Amino acid sequence: MTRYRKYIPAGWWIALVATTVASLLPNMGPPTTPVFDIGLDKFIHLVTYLVLAAVPVVFFKSGPTLAGAILLVVVLSGGIEFAQDQVPGRLFSLGDVVANLLGAFLGVMTGLYFRRFTNVQRG
């Protein structure tokens, strides 16, 4: 893991950009087939933002860089939904915002758990 450590921030930025681009494509979106009476897209939102929030918590040093990364994920989670209202075929969804924020929260909690029990050098 140490050997590839320097690529993690770049991979995280690429994931942020890919999430933003995929979320703002017109008339595109994940399937909304319900699972347990919740649209499948909500699970996709939750998992996406869980990963986007967990990675910096586990691999970034504590301090302004980590706080900025988490703040960026939280702002992005809501900002994309507002921006989608301006994209043809896309709509703002409060359910998506809730799923995004819940995913970000769970990502921070998951990251803190793994951070505590892993010996990763943070950069």
PDB file of N, CA and C in Angstrom:
ATOM      1  N   MET A   1       0.827  -1.192   0.000  1.00  0.00           N
ATOM      2  CA  MET A   1       0.000   0.000   0.000  1.00  0.00           C
ATOM      3  C   MET A   1       0.870   1.253   0.000  1.00  0.00           C
ATOM      4  N   THR A   2       1.970   1.236   0.717  1.00  0.00           N
ATOM      5  CA  THR A   2       2.835   2.405   0.808  1.00  0.00           C
ATOM      6  C   THR A   2       3.361   2.796  -0.567  1.00  0.00           C
ATOM      7  N   ARG A   3       3.598   1.812  -1.385  1.00  0.00           N
ATOM      8  CA  ARG A   3       4.138   2.047  -2.723  1.00  0.00           C
ATOM      9  C   ARG A   3       3.187   2.879  -3.584  1.00  0.00           C
ATOM     10  N   TYR A   4       1.890   2.685  -3.411  1.00  0.00           N
ATOM     11  CA  TYR A   4       0.897   3.372  -4.217  1.00  0.00           C
ATOM     12  C   TYR A   4       0.278   4.571  -3.507  1.00  0.00           C
ATOM     13  N   ARG A   5       0.741   4.853  -2.313  1.00  0.00           N
ATOM     14  CA  ARG A   5       0.193   5.910  -1.463  1.00  0.00           C
ATOM     15  C   ARG A   5       0.130   7.265  -2.167  1.00  0.00           C
ATOM     16  N   LYS A   6       1.133   7.587  -2.951  1.00  0.00           N
ATOM     17  CA  LYS A   6       1.189   8.901  -3.589  1.00  0.00           C
ATOM     18  C   LYS A   6       0.119   9.087  -4.668  1.00  0.00           C
ATOM     19  N   TYR A   7      -0.477   7.992  -5.140  1.00  0.00           N
ATOM     20  CA  TYR A   7      -1.502   8.083  -6.188  1.00  0.00           C
ATOM     21  C   TYR A   7      -2.918   8.256  -5.630  1.00  0.00           C
ATOM     22  N   ILE A   8      -3.091   8.044  -4.350  1.00  0.00           N
ATOM     23  CA  ILE A   8      -4.435   8.091  -3.761  1.00  0.00           C
ATOM     24  C   ILE A   8      -5.081   9.464  -3.886  1.00  0.00           C
ATOM     25  N   PRO A   9      -4.387  10.569  -3.564  1.00  0.00           N
ATOM     26  CA  PRO A   9      -5.042  11.878  -3.746  1.00  0.00           C
ATOM     27  C   PRO A   9      -5.458  12.137  -5.198  1.00  0.00           C
ATOM     28  N   ALA A  10      -4.627  11.755  -6.149  1.00  0.00           N
ATOM     29  CA  ALA A  10      -4.968  11.953  -7.562  1.00  0.00           C
ATOM     30  C   ALA A  10      -6.186  11.108  -7.935  1.00  0.00           C
ATOM     31  N   GLY A  11      -6.232   9.872  -7.450  1.00  0.00           N
ATOM     32  CA  GLY A  11      -7.383   9.014  -7.713  1.00  0.00           C
ATOM     33  C   GLY A  11      -8.653   9.563  -7.099  1.00  0.00           C
ATOM     34  N   TRP A  12      -8.516  10.160  -5.914  1.00  0.00           N
ATOM     35  CA  TRP A  12      -9.673  10.758  -5.248  1.00  0.00           C
ATOM     36  C   TRP A  12     -10.190  11.956  -6.055  1.00  0.00           C
ATOM     37  N   TRP A  13      -9.285  12.806  -6.546  1.00  0.00           N
ATOM     38  CA  TRP A  13      -9.699  13.941  -7.386  1.00  0.00           C
ATOM     39  C   TRP A  13     -10.359  13.462  -8.668  1.00  0.00           C
ATOM     40  N   ILE A  14      -9.822  12.431  -9.270  1.00  0.00           N
ATOM     41  CA  ILE A  14     -10.427  11.878 -10.490  1.00  0.00           C
ATOM     42  C   ILE A  14     -11.832  11.355 -10.187  1.00  0.00           C
ATOM     43  N   ALA A  15     -11.999  10.698  -9.050  1.00  0.00           N
ATOM     44  CA  ALA A  15     -13.322  10.204  -8.660  1.00  0.00           C
ATOM     45  C   ALA A  15     -14.299  11.359  -8.437  1.00  0.00           C
ATOM     46  N   LEU A  16     -13.833  12.453  -7.839  1.00  0.00           N
ATOM     47  CA  LEU A  16     -14.694  13.629  -7.650  1.00  0.00           C
ATOM     48  C   LEU A  16     -15.140  14.206  -8.993  1.00  0.00           C
ATOM     49  N   VAL A  17     -14.200  14.344  -9.903  1.00  0.00           N
ATOM     50  CA  VAL A  17     -14.525  14.893 -11.228  1.00  0.00           C
ATOM     51  C   VAL A  17     -15.454  13.949 -11.980  1.00  0.00           C
ATOM     52  N   ALA A  18     -15.174  12.658 -11.938  1.00  0.00           N
ATOM     53  CA  ALA A  18     -16.017  11.684 -12.635  1.00  0.00           C
ATOM     54  C   ALA A  18     -17.442  11.690 -12.066  1.00  0.00           C
ATOM     55  N   THR A  19     -17.566  11.788 -10.761  1.00  0.00           N
ATOM     56  CA  THR A  19     -18.890  11.850 -10.133  1.00  0.00           C
ATOM     57  C   THR A  19     -19.637  13.091 -10.580  1.00  0.00           C
ATOM     58  N   THR A  20     -18.945  14.221 -10.616  1.00  0.00           N
ATOM     59  CA  THR A  20     -19.571  15.473 -11.031  1.00  0.00           C
ATOM     60  C   THR A  20     -20.022  15.395 -12.485  1.00  0.00           C
ATOM     61  N   VAL A  21     -19.152  14.934 -13.359  1.00  0.00           N
ATOM     62  CA  VAL A  21     -19.490  14.840 -14.785  1.00  0.00           C
ATOM     63  C   VAL A  21     -20.650  13.878 -14.998  1.00  0.00           C
ATOM     64  N   ALA A  22     -20.569  12.704 -14.393  1.00  0.00           N
ATOM     65  CA  ALA A  22     -21.646  11.714 -14.568  1.00  0.00           C
ATOM     66  C   ALA A  22     -22.975  12.234 -14.019  1.00  0.00           C
ATOM     67  N   SER A  23     -22.915  13.007 -12.959  1.00  0.00           N
ATOM     68  CA  SER A  23     -24.142  13.527 -12.345  1.00  0.00           C
ATOM     69  C   SER A  23     -24.770  14.656 -13.153  1.00  0.00           C
ATOM     70  N   LEU A  24     -23.989  15.286 -14.013  1.00  0.00           N
ATOM     71  CA  LEU A  24     -24.500  16.433 -14.766  1.00  0.00           C
ATOM     72  C   LEU A  24     -24.726  16.142 -16.247  1.00  0.00           C
ATOM     73  N   LEU A  25     -24.631  14.878 -16.638  1.00  0.00           N
ATOM     74  CA  LEU A  25     -24.942  14.513 -18.020  1.00  0.00           C
ATOM     75  C   LEU A  25     -26.451  14.618 -18.238  1.00  0.00           C
ATOM     76  N   PRO A  26     -26.882  15.203 -19.354  1.00  0.00           N
ATOM     77  CA  PRO A  26     -28.324  15.325 -19.581  1.00  0.00           C
ATOM     78  C   PRO A  26     -28.977  13.971 -19.856  1.00  0.00           C
ATOM     79  N   ASN A  27     -30.191  13.828 -19.371  1.00  0.00           N
ATOM     80  CA  ASN A  27     -31.005  12.631 -19.605  1.00  0.00           C
ATOM     81  C   ASN A  27     -30.295  11.336 -19.238  1.00  0.00           C
ATOM     82  N   MET A  28     -29.372  11.409 -18.333  1.00  0.00           N
ATOM     83  CA  MET A  28     -28.661  10.209 -17.890  1.00  0.00           C
ATOM     84  C   MET A  28     -28.946  10.044 -16.410  1.00  0.00           C
ATOM     85  N   GLY A  29     -28.821   8.858 -15.948  1.00  0.00           N
ATOM     86  CA  GLY A  29     -28.988   8.633 -14.524  1.00  0.00           C
ATOM     87  C   GLY A  29     -29.094   7.168 -14.242  1.00  0.00           C
ATOM     88  N   PRO A  30     -28.876   6.814 -12.992  1.00  0.00           N
ATOM     89  CA  PRO A  30     -28.972   5.416 -12.623  1.00  0.00           C
ATOM     90  C   PRO A  30     -30.423   4.950 -12.658  1.00  0.00           C
ATOM     91  N   PRO A  31     -30.634   3.667 -12.723  1.00  0.00           N
ATOM     92  CA  PRO A  31     -32.007   3.152 -12.715  1.00  0.00           C
ATOM     93  C   PRO A  31     -32.692   3.496 -11.396  1.00  0.00           C
ATOM     94  N   THR A  32     -33.989   3.668 -11.464  1.00  0.00           N
ATOM     95  CA  THR A  32     -34.731   4.016 -10.251  1.00  0.00           C
ATOM     96  C   THR A  32     -35.574   2.850  -9.748  1.00  0.00           C
ATOM     97  N   THR A  33     -35.204   1.638 -10.122  1.00  0.00           N
ATOM     98  CA  THR A  33     -35.918   0.450  -9.678  1.00  0.00           C
ATOM     99  C   THR A  33     -35.899   0.395  -8.154  1.00  0.00           C
ATOM    100  N   PRO A  34     -37.064   0.296  -7.520  1.00  0.00           N
ATOM    101  CA  PRO A  34     -37.067   0.304  -6.055  1.00  0.00           C
ATOM    102  C   PRO A  34     -36.540  -0.991  -5.444  1.00  0.00           C
ATOM    103  N   VAL A  35     -35.783  -0.845  -4.376  1.00  0.00           N
ATOM    104  CA  VAL A  35     -35.316  -1.948  -3.558  1.00  0.00           C
ATOM    105  C   VAL A  35     -35.743  -1.583  -2.138  1.00  0.00           C
ATOM    106  N   PHE A  36     -36.551  -2.409  -1.529  1.00  0.00           N
ATOM    107  CA  PHE A  36     -37.115  -2.105  -0.211  1.00  0.00           C
ATOM    108  C   PHE A  36     -37.859  -0.764  -0.241  1.00  0.00           C
ATOM    109  N   ASP A  37     -38.577  -0.505  -1.310  1.00  0.00           N
ATOM    110  CA  ASP A  37     -39.355   0.723  -1.503  1.00  0.00           C
ATOM    111  C   ASP A  37     -38.504   1.988  -1.557  1.00  0.00           C
ATOM    112  N   ILE A  38     -37.226   1.840  -1.813  1.00  0.00           N
ATOM    113  CA  ILE A  38     -36.323   2.994  -1.989  1.00  0.00           C
ATOM    114  C   ILE A  38     -35.690   2.836  -3.358  1.00  0.00           C
ATOM    115  N   GLY A  39     -35.654   3.910  -4.134  1.00  0.00           N
ATOM    116  CA  GLY A  39     -35.070   3.845  -5.465  1.00  0.00           C
ATOM    117  C   GLY A  39     -33.617   3.390  -5.426  1.00  0.00           C
ATOM    118  N   LEU A  40     -33.253   2.518  -6.343  1.00  0.00           N
ATOM    119  CA  LEU A  40     -31.878   2.011  -6.412  1.00  0.00           C
ATOM    120  C   LEU A  40     -30.871   3.149  -6.524  1.00  0.00           C
ATOM    121  N   ASP A  41     -31.266   4.249  -7.162  1.00  0.00           N
ATOM    122  CA  ASP A  41     -30.350   5.372  -7.306  1.00  0.00           C
ATOM    123  C   ASP A  41     -29.933   5.943  -5.948  1.00  0.00           C
ATOM    124  N   LYS A  42     -30.800   5.841  -4.939  1.00  0.00           N
ATOM    125  CA  LYS A  42     -30.448   6.348  -3.599  1.00  0.00           C
ATOM    126  C   LYS A  42     -29.299   5.540  -3.009  1.00  0.00           C
ATOM    127  N   PHE A  43     -29.288   4.225  -3.248  1.00  0.00           N
ATOM    128  CA  PHE A  43     -28.185   3.391  -2.777  1.00  0.00           C
ATOM    129  C   PHE A  43     -26.890   3.753  -3.504  1.00  0.00           C
ATOM    130  N   ILE A  44     -26.993   4.042  -4.790  1.00  0.00           N
ATOM    131  CA  ILE A  44     -25.814   4.449  -5.563  1.00  0.00           C
ATOM    132  C   ILE A  44     -25.270   5.764  -5.023  1.00  0.00           C
ATOM    133  N   HIS A  45     -26.157   6.719  -4.752  1.00  0.00           N
ATOM    134  CA  HIS A  45     -25.738   7.997  -4.176  1.00  0.00           C
ATOM    135  C   HIS A  45     -25.039   7.775  -2.834  1.00  0.00           C
ATOM    136  N   LEU A  46     -25.649   6.970  -1.972  1.00  0.00           N
ATOM    137  CA  LEU A  46     -25.103   6.729  -0.644  1.00  0.00           C
ATOM    138  C   LEU A  46     -23.702   6.122  -0.728  1.00  0.00           C
ATOM    139  N   VAL A  47     -23.536   5.097  -1.529  1.00  0.00           N
ATOM    140  CA  VAL A  47     -22.241   4.416  -1.631  1.00  0.00           C
ATOM    141  C   VAL A  47     -21.187   5.333  -2.263  1.00  0.00           C
ATOM    142  N   THR A  48     -21.574   6.083  -3.279  1.00  0.00           N
ATOM    143  CA  THR A  48     -20.626   6.993  -3.926  1.00  0.00           C
ATOM    144  C   THR A  48     -20.064   7.998  -2.934  1.00  0.00           C
ATOM    145  N   TYR A  49     -20.940   8.639  -2.178  1.00  0.00           N
ATOM    146  CA  TYR A  49     -20.472   9.658  -1.242  1.00  0.00           C
ATOM    147  C   TYR A  49     -19.832   9.056   0.000  1.00  0.00           C
ATOM    148  N   LEU A  50     -20.181   7.831   0.339  1.00  0.00           N
ATOM    149  CA  LEU A  50     -19.493   7.134   1.424  1.00  0.00           C
ATOM    150  C   LEU A  50     -18.018   6.967   1.047  1.00  0.00           C
ATOM    151  N   VAL A  51     -17.764   6.497  -0.164  1.00  0.00           N
ATOM    152  CA  VAL A  51     -16.382   6.287  -0.610  1.00  0.00           C
ATOM    153  C   VAL A  51     -15.652   7.626  -0.744  1.00  0.00           C
ATOM    154  N   LEU A  52     -16.322   8.627  -1.339  1.00  0.00           N
ATOM    155  CA  LEU A  52     -15.677   9.928  -1.521  1.00  0.00           C
ATOM    156  C   LEU A  52     -15.302  10.572  -0.188  1.00  0.00           C
ATOM    157  N   ALA A  53     -16.060  10.310   0.863  1.00  0.00           N
ATOM    158  CA  ALA A  53     -15.744  10.879   2.177  1.00  0.00           C
ATOM    159  C   ALA A  53     -14.761  10.015   2.958  1.00  0.00           C
ATOM    160  N   ALA A  54     -14.824   8.695   2.802  1.00  0.00           N
ATOM    161  CA  ALA A  54     -13.964   7.796   3.582  1.00  0.00           C
ATOM    162  C   ALA A  54     -12.504   7.875   3.152  1.00  0.00           C
ATOM    163  N   VAL A  55     -12.262   7.993   1.862  1.00  0.00           N
ATOM    164  CA  VAL A  55     -10.878   7.975   1.367  1.00  0.00           C
ATOM    165  C   VAL A  55     -10.021   9.074   1.995  1.00  0.00           C
ATOM    166  N   PRO A  56     -10.452  10.341   1.986  1.00  0.00           N
ATOM    167  CA  PRO A  56      -9.590  11.344   2.616  1.00  0.00           C
ATOM    168  C   PRO A  56      -9.437  11.152   4.123  1.00  0.00           C
ATOM    169  N   VAL A  57     -10.465  10.656   4.797  1.00  0.00           N
ATOM    170  CA  VAL A  57     -10.357  10.447   6.249  1.00  0.00           C
ATOM    171  C   VAL A  57      -9.286   9.405   6.552  1.00  0.00           C
ATOM    172  N   VAL A  58      -9.219   8.371   5.745  1.00  0.00           N
ATOM    173  CA  VAL A  58      -8.235   7.311   5.979  1.00  0.00           C
ATOM    174  C   VAL A  58      -6.830   7.732   5.547  1.00  0.00           C
ATOM    175  N   PHE A  59      -6.723   8.422   4.416  1.00  0.00           N
ATOM    176  CA  PHE A  59      -5.404   8.618   3.818  1.00  0.00           C
ATOM    177  C   PHE A  59      -4.819  10.014   3.923  1.00  0.00           C
ATOM    178  N   PHE A  60      -5.603  11.036   4.262  1.00  0.00           N
ATOM    179  CA  PHE A  60      -5.070  12.391   4.342  1.00  0.00           C
ATOM    180  C   PHE A  60      -4.685  12.703   5.784  1.00  0.00           C
ATOM    181  N   LYS A  61      -3.677  13.576   5.958  1.00  0.00           N
ATOM    182  CA  LYS A  61      -3.289  14.011   7.289  1.00  0.00           C
ATOM    183  C   LYS A  61      -4.406  14.838   7.906  1.00  0.00           C
ATOM    184  N   SER A  62      -4.485  14.797   9.226  1.00  0.00           N
ATOM    185  CA  SER A  62      -5.446  15.648   9.931  1.00  0.00           C
ATOM    186  C   SER A  62      -5.058  17.105   9.713  1.00  0.00           C
ATOM    187  N   GLY A  63      -6.051  17.969   9.750  1.00  0.00           N
ATOM    188  CA  GLY A  63      -5.783  19.385   9.601  1.00  0.00           C
ATOM    189  C   GLY A  63      -6.594  19.982   8.477  1.00  0.00           C
ATOM    190  N   PRO A  64      -6.128  21.116   7.968  1.00  0.00           N
ATOM    191  CA  PRO A  64      -6.898  21.841   6.953  1.00  0.00           C
ATOM    192  C   PRO A  64      -7.149  21.042   5.672  1.00  0.00           C
ATOM    193  N   THR A  65      -6.203  20.223   5.262  1.00  0.00           N
ATOM    194  CA  THR A  65      -6.386  19.449   4.034  1.00  0.00           C
ATOM    195  C   THR A  65      -7.530  18.452   4.193  1.00  0.00           C
ATOM    196  N   LEU A  66      -7.547  17.755   5.299  1.00  0.00           N
ATOM    197  CA  LEU A  66      -8.611  16.782   5.559  1.00  0.00           C
ATOM    198  C   LEU A  66      -9.954  17.489   5.715  1.00  0.00           C
ATOM    199  N   ALA A  67      -9.984  18.565   6.488  1.00  0.00           N
ATOM    200  CA  ALA A  67     -11.233  19.310   6.686  1.00  0.00           C
ATOM    201  C   ALA A  67     -11.748  19.862   5.362  1.00  0.00           C
ATOM    202  N   GLY A  68     -10.848  20.376   4.531  1.00  0.00           N
ATOM    203  CA  GLY A  68     -11.239  20.897   3.221  1.00  0.00           C
ATOM    204  C   GLY A  68     -11.788  19.811   2.313  1.00  0.00           C
ATOM    205  N   ALA A  69     -11.182  18.637   2.361  1.00  0.00           N
ATOM    206  CA  ALA A  69     -11.648  17.518   1.531  1.00  0.00           C
ATOM    207  C   ALA A  69     -13.057  17.101   1.937  1.00  0.00           C
ATOM    208  N   ILE A  70     -13.297  16.999   3.228  1.00  0.00           N
ATOM    209  CA  ILE A  70     -14.630  16.601   3.709  1.00  0.00           C
ATOM    210  C   ILE A  70     -15.646  17.693   3.373  1.00  0.00           C
ATOM    211  N   LEU A  71     -15.270  18.943   3.574  1.00  0.00           N
ATOM    212  CA  LEU A  71     -16.173  20.048   3.238  1.00  0.00           C
ATOM    213  C   LEU A  71     -16.492  20.039   1.746  1.00  0.00           C
ATOM    214  N   LEU A  72     -15.501  19.773   0.918  1.00  0.00           N
ATOM    215  CA  LEU A  72     -15.716  19.709  -0.530  1.00  0.00           C
ATOM    216  C   LEU A  72     -16.718  18.611  -0.886  1.00  0.00           C
ATOM    217  N   VAL A  73     -16.589  17.455  -0.277  1.00  0.00           N
ATOM    218  CA  VAL A  73     -17.523  16.350  -0.548  1.00  0.00           C
ATOM    219  C   VAL A  73     -18.936  16.733  -0.129  1.00  0.00           C
ATOM    220  N   VAL A  74     -19.084  17.360   1.028  1.00  0.00           N
ATOM    221  CA  VAL A  74     -20.410  17.755   1.517  1.00  0.00           C
ATOM    222  C   VAL A  74     -21.025  18.815   0.611  1.00  0.00           C
ATOM    223  N   VAL A  75     -20.246  19.826   0.244  1.00  0.00           N
ATOM    224  CA  VAL A  75     -20.760  20.892  -0.635  1.00  0.00           C
ATOM    225  C   VAL A  75     -21.095  20.315  -2.009  1.00  0.00           C
ATOM    226  N   LEU A  76     -20.243  19.444  -2.515  1.00  0.00           N
ATOM    227  CA  LEU A  76     -20.489  18.810  -3.812  1.00  0.00           C
ATOM    228  C   LEU A  76     -21.765  17.973  -3.775  1.00  0.00           C
ATOM    229  N   SER A  77     -22.010  17.301  -2.661  1.00  0.00           N
ATOM    230  CA  SER A  77     -23.183  16.431  -2.553  1.00  0.00           C
ATOM    231  C   SER A  77     -24.489  17.201  -2.717  1.00  0.00           C
ATOM    232  N   GLY A  78     -24.531  18.416  -2.239  1.00  0.00           N
ATOM    233  CA  GLY A  78     -25.723  19.242  -2.416  1.00  0.00           C
ATOM    234  C   GLY A  78     -25.671  20.077  -3.674  1.00  0.00           C
ATOM    235  N   GLY A  79     -24.498  20.591  -3.982  1.00  0.00           N
ATOM    236  CA  GLY A  79     -24.338  21.463  -5.148  1.00  0.00           C
ATOM    237  C   GLY A  79     -24.680  20.791  -6.455  1.00  0.00           C
ATOM    238  N   ILE A  80     -24.308  19.534  -6.591  1.00  0.00           N
ATOM    239  CA  ILE A  80     -24.626  18.800  -7.821  1.00  0.00           C
ATOM    240  C   ILE A  80     -26.130  18.708  -7.998  1.00  0.00           C
ATOM    241  N   GLU A  81     -26.838  18.462  -6.923  1.00  0.00           N
ATOM    242  CA  GLU A  81     -28.299  18.347  -7.032  1.00  0.00           C
ATOM    243  C   GLU A  81     -28.934  19.661  -7.475  1.00  0.00           C
ATOM    244  N   PHE A  82     -28.447  20.775  -6.949  1.00  0.00           N
ATOM    245  CA  PHE A  82     -28.968  22.077  -7.390  1.00  0.00           C
ATOM    246  C   PHE A  82     -28.611  22.337  -8.849  1.00  0.00           C
ATOM    247  N   ALA A  83     -27.405  21.954  -9.248  1.00  0.00           N
ATOM    248  CA  ALA A  83     -26.975  22.154 -10.636  1.00  0.00           C
ATOM    249  C   ALA A  83     -27.779  21.279 -11.595  1.00  0.00           C
ATOM    250  N   GLN A  84     -28.187  20.113 -11.149  1.00  0.00           N
ATOM    251  CA  GLN A  84     -28.961  19.219 -12.020  1.00  0.00           C
ATOM    252  C   GLN A  84     -30.282  19.850 -12.441  1.00  0.00           C
ATOM    253  N   ASP A  85     -30.798  20.757 -11.646  1.00  0.00           N
ATOM    254  CA  ASP A  85     -32.048  21.423 -11.990  1.00  0.00           C
ATOM    255  C   ASP A  85     -31.906  22.259 -13.260  1.00  0.00           C
ATOM    256  N   GLN A  86     -30.674  22.587 -13.631  1.00  0.00           N
ATOM    257  CA  GLN A  86     -30.406  23.386 -14.832  1.00  0.00           C
ATOM    258  C   GLN A  86     -30.060  22.528 -16.042  1.00  0.00           C
ATOM    259  N   VAL A  87     -29.971  21.220 -15.862  1.00  0.00           N
ATOM    260  CA  VAL A  87     -29.570  20.302 -16.933  1.00  0.00           C
ATOM    261  C   VAL A  87     -30.822  19.669 -17.541  1.00  0.00           C
ATOM    262  N   PRO A  88     -30.925  19.678 -18.879  1.00  0.00           N
ATOM    263  CA  PRO A  88     -32.099  19.068 -19.528  1.00  0.00           C
ATOM    264  C   PRO A  88     -32.268  17.600 -19.128  1.00  0.00           C
ATOM    265  N   GLY A  89     -33.472  17.252 -18.746  1.00  0.00           N
ATOM    266  CA  GLY A  89     -33.767  15.874 -18.382  1.00  0.00           C
ATOM    267  C   GLY A  89     -33.382  15.497 -16.969  1.00  0.00           C
ATOM    268  N   ARG A  90     -32.838  16.427 -16.210  1.00  0.00           N
ATOM    269  CA  ARG A  90     -32.442  16.156 -14.826  1.00  0.00           C
ATOM    270  C   ARG A  90     -33.237  17.058 -13.897  1.00  0.00           C
ATOM    271  N   LEU A  91     -33.437  16.609 -12.670  1.00  0.00           N
ATOM    272  CA  LEU A  91     -34.212  17.366 -11.691  1.00  0.00           C
ATOM    273  C   LEU A  91     -33.509  17.362 -10.342  1.00  0.00           C
ATOM    274  N   PHE A  92     -33.757  18.397  -9.566  1.00  0.00           N
ATOM    275  CA  PHE A  92     -33.318  18.435  -8.177  1.00  0.00           C
ATOM    276  C   PHE A  92     -34.106  17.389  -7.404  1.00  0.00           C
ATOM    277  N   SER A  93     -33.436  16.662  -6.516  1.00  0.00           N
ATOM    278  CA  SER A  93     -34.116  15.653  -5.704  1.00  0.00           C
ATOM    279  C   SER A  93     -33.636  15.761  -4.261  1.00  0.00           C
ATOM    280  N   LEU A  94     -34.557  16.103  -3.374  1.00  0.00           N
ATOM    281  CA  LEU A  94     -34.218  16.181  -1.961  1.00  0.00           C
ATOM    282  C   LEU A  94     -33.800  14.805  -1.434  1.00  0.00           C
ATOM    283  N   GLY A  95     -34.412  13.750  -1.966  1.00  0.00           N
ATOM    284  CA  GLY A  95     -34.032  12.394  -1.575  1.00  0.00           C
ATOM    285  C   GLY A  95     -32.583  12.083  -1.920  1.00  0.00           C
ATOM    286  N   ASP A  96     -32.137  12.586  -3.074  1.00  0.00           N
ATOM    287  CA  ASP A  96     -30.736  12.390  -3.460  1.00  0.00           C
ATOM    288  C   ASP A  96     -29.801  13.163  -2.533  1.00  0.00           C
ATOM    289  N   VAL A  97     -30.190  14.375  -2.159  1.00  0.00           N
ATOM    290  CA  VAL A  97     -29.370  15.177  -1.238  1.00  0.00           C
ATOM    291  C   VAL A  97     -29.238  14.437   0.090  1.00  0.00           C
ATOM    292  N   VAL A  98     -30.339  13.904   0.592  1.00  0.00           N
ATOM    293  CA  VAL A  98     -30.309  13.162   1.860  1.00  0.00           C
ATOM    294  C   VAL A  98     -29.412  11.936   1.731  1.00  0.00           C
ATOM    295  N   ALA A  99     -29.548  11.189   0.632  1.00  0.00           N
ATOM    296  CA  ALA A  99     -28.707  10.003   0.410  1.00  0.00           C
ATOM    297  C   ALA A  99     -27.230  10.396   0.317  1.00  0.00           C
ATOM    298  N   ASN A 100     -26.936  11.490  -0.375  1.00  0.00           N
ATOM    299  CA  ASN A 100     -25.556  11.967  -0.505  1.00  0.00           C
ATOM    300  C   ASN A 100     -24.976  12.336   0.863  1.00  0.00           C
ATOM    301  N   LEU A 101     -25.732  13.116   1.629  1.00  0.00           N
ATOM    302  CA  LEU A 101     -25.241  13.558   2.940  1.00  0.00           C
ATOM    303  C   LEU A 101     -25.116  12.393   3.921  1.00  0.00           C
ATOM    304  N   LEU A 102     -26.056  11.465   3.871  1.00  0.00           N
ATOM    305  CA  LEU A 102     -25.957  10.274   4.716  1.00  0.00           C
ATOM    306  C   LEU A 102     -24.727   9.462   4.325  1.00  0.00           C
ATOM    307  N   GLY A 103     -24.491   9.327   3.025  1.00  0.00           N
ATOM    308  CA  GLY A 103     -23.296   8.617   2.564  1.00  0.00           C
ATOM    309  C   GLY A 103     -22.027   9.303   3.024  1.00  0.00           C
ATOM    310  N   ALA A 104     -21.980  10.636   2.939  1.00  0.00           N
ATOM    311  CA  ALA A 104     -20.795  11.380   3.382  1.00  0.00           C
ATOM    312  C   ALA A 104     -20.580  11.182   4.886  1.00  0.00           C
ATOM    313  N   PHE A 105     -21.656  11.260   5.663  1.00  0.00           N
ATOM    314  CA  PHE A 105     -21.543  11.049   7.111  1.00  0.00           C
ATOM    315  C   PHE A 105     -21.030   9.640   7.413  1.00  0.00           C
ATOM    316  N   LEU A 106     -21.631   8.638   6.784  1.00  0.00           N
ATOM    317  CA  LEU A 106     -21.196   7.252   7.004  1.00  0.00           C
ATOM    318  C   LEU A 106     -19.759   7.044   6.520  1.00  0.00           C
ATOM    319  N   GLY A 107     -19.381   7.759   5.458  1.00  0.00           N
ATOM    320  CA  GLY A 107     -18.010   7.677   4.972  1.00  0.00           C
ATOM    321  C   GLY A 107     -17.011   8.224   5.983  1.00  0.00           C
ATOM    322  N   VAL A 108     -17.344   9.345   6.602  1.00  0.00           N
ATOM    323  CA  VAL A 108     -16.468   9.905   7.633  1.00  0.00           C
ATOM    324  C   VAL A 108     -16.368   8.940   8.810  1.00  0.00           C
ATOM    325  N   MET A 109     -17.495   8.394   9.235  1.00  0.00           N
ATOM    326  CA  MET A 109     -17.490   7.447  10.361  1.00  0.00           C
ATOM    327  C   MET A 109     -16.693   6.187  10.022  1.00  0.00           C
ATOM    328  N   THR A 110     -16.894   5.664   8.813  1.00  0.00           N
ATOM    329  CA  THR A 110     -16.156   4.478   8.368  1.00  0.00           C
ATOM    330  C   THR A 110     -14.662   4.795   8.280  1.00  0.00           C
ATOM    331  N   GLY A 111     -14.342   5.959   7.711  1.00  0.00           N
ATOM    332  CA  GLY A 111     -12.945   6.367   7.603  1.00  0.00           C
ATOM    333  C   GLY A 111     -12.281   6.501   8.960  1.00  0.00           C
ATOM    334  N   LEU A 112     -12.993   7.086   9.934  1.00  0.00           N
ATOM    335  CA  LEU A 112     -12.437   7.221  11.283  1.00  0.00           C
ATOM    336  C   LEU A 112     -12.188   5.857  11.917  1.00  0.00           C
ATOM    337  N   TYR A 113     -13.096   4.914  11.676  1.00  0.00           N
ATOM    338  CA  TYR A 113     -12.910   3.562  12.199  1.00  0.00           C
ATOM    339  C   TYR A 113     -11.643   2.944  11.604  1.00  0.00           C
ATOM    340  N   PHE A 114     -11.511   2.989  10.286  1.00  0.00           N
ATOM    341  CA  PHE A 114     -10.336   2.386   9.645  1.00  0.00           C
ATOM    342  C   PHE A 114      -9.063   3.148   9.961  1.00  0.00           C
ATOM    343  N   ARG A 115      -9.166   4.444  10.118  1.00  0.00           N
ATOM    344  CA  ARG A 115      -8.001   5.271  10.457  1.00  0.00           C
ATOM    345  C   ARG A 115      -7.449   4.843  11.816  1.00  0.00           C
ATOM    346  N   ARG A 116      -8.356   4.540  12.726  1.00  0.00           N
ATOM    347  CA  ARG A 116      -7.941   4.162  14.078  1.00  0.00           C
ATOM    348  C   ARG A 116      -7.205   2.819  14.099  1.00  0.00           C
ATOM    349  N   PHE A 117      -7.617   1.905  13.226  1.00  0.00           N
ATOM    350  CA  PHE A 117      -7.066   0.556  13.275  1.00  0.00           C
ATOM    351  C   PHE A 117      -6.098   0.233  12.145  1.00  0.00           C
ATOM    352  N   THR A 118      -5.741   1.213  11.342  1.00  0.00           N
ATOM    353  CA  THR A 118      -4.752   0.981  10.294  1.00  0.00           C
ATOM    354  C   THR A 118      -3.519   1.812  10.577  1.00  0.00           C
ATOM    355  N   ASN A 119      -2.435   1.376  10.021  1.00  0.00           N
ATOM    356  CA  ASN A 119      -1.166   2.063  10.229  1.00  0.00           C
ATOM    357  C   ASN A 119      -0.702   2.699   8.920  1.00  0.00           C
ATOM    358  N   VAL A 120      -1.582   3.408   8.247  1.00  0.00           N
ATOM    359  CA  VAL A 120      -1.277   4.017   6.960  1.00  0.00           C
ATOM    360  C   VAL A 120      -0.534   5.314   7.206  1.00  0.00           C
ATOM    361  N   GLN A 121       0.541   5.520   6.443  1.00  0.00           N
ATOM    362  CA  GLN A 121       1.219   6.826   6.487  1.00  0.00           C
ATOM    363  C   GLN A 121       0.381   7.801   5.700  1.00  0.00           C
ATOM    364  N   ARG A 122       0.012   8.886   6.335  1.00  0.00           N
ATOM    365  CA  ARG A 122      -0.836   9.875   5.690  1.00  0.00           C
ATOM    366  C   ARG A 122       0.008  10.999   5.145  1.00  0.00           C
ATOM    367  N   GLY A 123      -0.366  11.449   3.956  1.00  0.00           N
ATOM    368  CA  GLY A 123       0.412  12.520   3.339  1.00  0.00           C
ATOM    369  C   GLY A 123      -0.362  13.773   3.159  1.00  0.00           C
TER     370      GLY A 123
END
